[in-house]
């Protein structure tokens, strides 16, 4: 899934966790997606922008 996330972000440049989940998974549960995003973030491959009233991954 990490490669899929990076592929989507290469096209969209910016996407919310919700949008990524809608594009990449059939499930409304974002647990696995958030885990992948945290892993990519720890490797410096994605950036999180905290917005008021919106949870970060």
C-alpha atoms as a PDB file:
ATOM      1  CA  UNK A   1       0.000   0.000   0.000  1.00  0.00           C
ATOM      2  CA  UNK A   2       2.918   2.387   0.605  1.00  0.00           C
ATOM      3  CA  UNK A   3       3.790   2.373  -3.110  1.00  0.00           C
ATOM      4  CA  UNK A   4       0.160   3.113  -3.956  1.00  0.00           C
ATOM      5  CA  UNK A   5       0.112   6.050  -1.540  1.00  0.00           C
ATOM      6  CA  UNK A   6       3.276   7.493  -3.063  1.00  0.00           C
ATOM      7  CA  UNK A   7       1.859   7.013  -6.579  1.00  0.00           C
ATOM      8  CA  UNK A   8      -1.324   8.900  -5.694  1.00  0.00           C
ATOM      9  CA  UNK A   9       0.645  11.685  -4.022  1.00  0.00           C
ATOM     10  CA  UNK A  10       2.911  11.975  -7.069  1.00  0.00           C
ATOM     11  CA  UNK A  11      -0.165  12.872  -9.106  1.00  0.00           C
ATOM     12  CA  UNK A  12      -2.144  14.876  -6.555  1.00  0.00           C
ATOM     13  CA  UNK A  13       0.763  16.391  -4.563  1.00  0.00           C
ATOM     14  CA  UNK A  14      -1.596  17.048  -1.651  1.00  0.00           C
ATOM     15  CA  UNK A  15      -4.328  14.783  -0.360  1.00  0.00           C
ATOM     16  CA  UNK A  16      -6.124  14.253   2.896  1.00  0.00           C
ATOM     17  CA  UNK A  17      -6.092  10.911   4.641  1.00  0.00           C
ATOM     18  CA  UNK A  18      -9.808  10.652   3.849  1.00  0.00           C
ATOM     19  CA  UNK A  19      -9.226  11.193   0.132  1.00  0.00           C
ATOM     20  CA  UNK A  20      -6.380   8.672   0.053  1.00  0.00           C
ATOM     21  CA  UNK A  21      -8.577   6.150   1.839  1.00  0.00           C
ATOM     22  CA  UNK A  22     -11.397   6.674  -0.684  1.00  0.00           C
ATOM     23  CA  UNK A  23      -9.014   6.250  -3.618  1.00  0.00           C
ATOM     24  CA  UNK A  24      -7.048   3.271  -2.315  1.00  0.00           C
ATOM     25  CA  UNK A  25      -9.234   1.125  -0.076  1.00  0.00           C
ATOM     26  CA  UNK A  26     -12.762  -0.231  -0.165  1.00  0.00           C
ATOM     27  CA  UNK A  27     -13.012   0.027   3.618  1.00  0.00           C
ATOM     28  CA  UNK A  28     -14.074   3.136   5.551  1.00  0.00           C
ATOM     29  CA  UNK A  29     -11.562   2.139   8.268  1.00  0.00           C
ATOM     30  CA  UNK A  30      -8.406   4.264   7.969  1.00  0.00           C
ATOM     31  CA  UNK A  31      -6.253   2.320  10.471  1.00  0.00           C
ATOM     32  CA  UNK A  32      -4.027   0.580   7.907  1.00  0.00           C
ATOM     33  CA  UNK A  33      -3.721   3.693   5.755  1.00  0.00           C
ATOM     34  CA  UNK A  34      -2.736   5.842   8.739  1.00  0.00           C
ATOM     35  CA  UNK A  35      -0.151   3.243   9.774  1.00  0.00           C
ATOM     36  CA  UNK A  36       1.371   3.353   6.270  1.00  0.00           C
ATOM     37  CA  UNK A  37       1.359   7.156   6.270  1.00  0.00           C
ATOM     38  CA  UNK A  38       3.116   7.296   9.650  1.00  0.00           C
ATOM     39  CA  UNK A  39       5.760   4.898   8.320  1.00  0.00           C
ATOM     40  CA  UNK A  40       6.284   6.996   5.169  1.00  0.00           C
ATOM     41  CA  UNK A  41       6.429  10.143   7.299  1.00  0.00           C
ATOM     42  CA  UNK A  42       9.106   8.631   9.567  1.00  0.00           C
ATOM     43  CA  UNK A  43      11.190   7.981   6.438  1.00  0.00           C
ATOM     44  CA  UNK A  44      10.741  11.568   5.252  1.00  0.00           C
ATOM     45  CA  UNK A  45       8.693  10.567   2.205  1.00  0.00           C
ATOM     46  CA  UNK A  46       5.450  12.362   3.108  1.00  0.00           C
ATOM     47  CA  UNK A  47       4.660  15.484   5.077  1.00  0.00           C
ATOM     48  CA  UNK A  48       1.750  16.086   7.416  1.00  0.00           C
ATOM     49  CA  UNK A  49       0.136  19.478   7.643  1.00  0.00           C
ATOM     50  CA  UNK A  50      -1.912  19.903  10.787  1.00  0.00           C
ATOM     51  CA  UNK A  51      -5.146  21.785  10.267  1.00  0.00           C
ATOM     52  CA  UNK A  52      -7.509  22.973  12.991  1.00  0.00           C
ATOM     53  CA  UNK A  53     -10.257  20.442  13.748  1.00  0.00           C
ATOM     54  CA  UNK A  54      -8.782  17.877  11.337  1.00  0.00           C
ATOM     55  CA  UNK A  55      -6.836  14.933  12.687  1.00  0.00           C
ATOM     56  CA  UNK A  56      -3.400  14.224  11.288  1.00  0.00           C
ATOM     57  CA  UNK A  57      -2.325  10.685  10.469  1.00  0.00           C
END
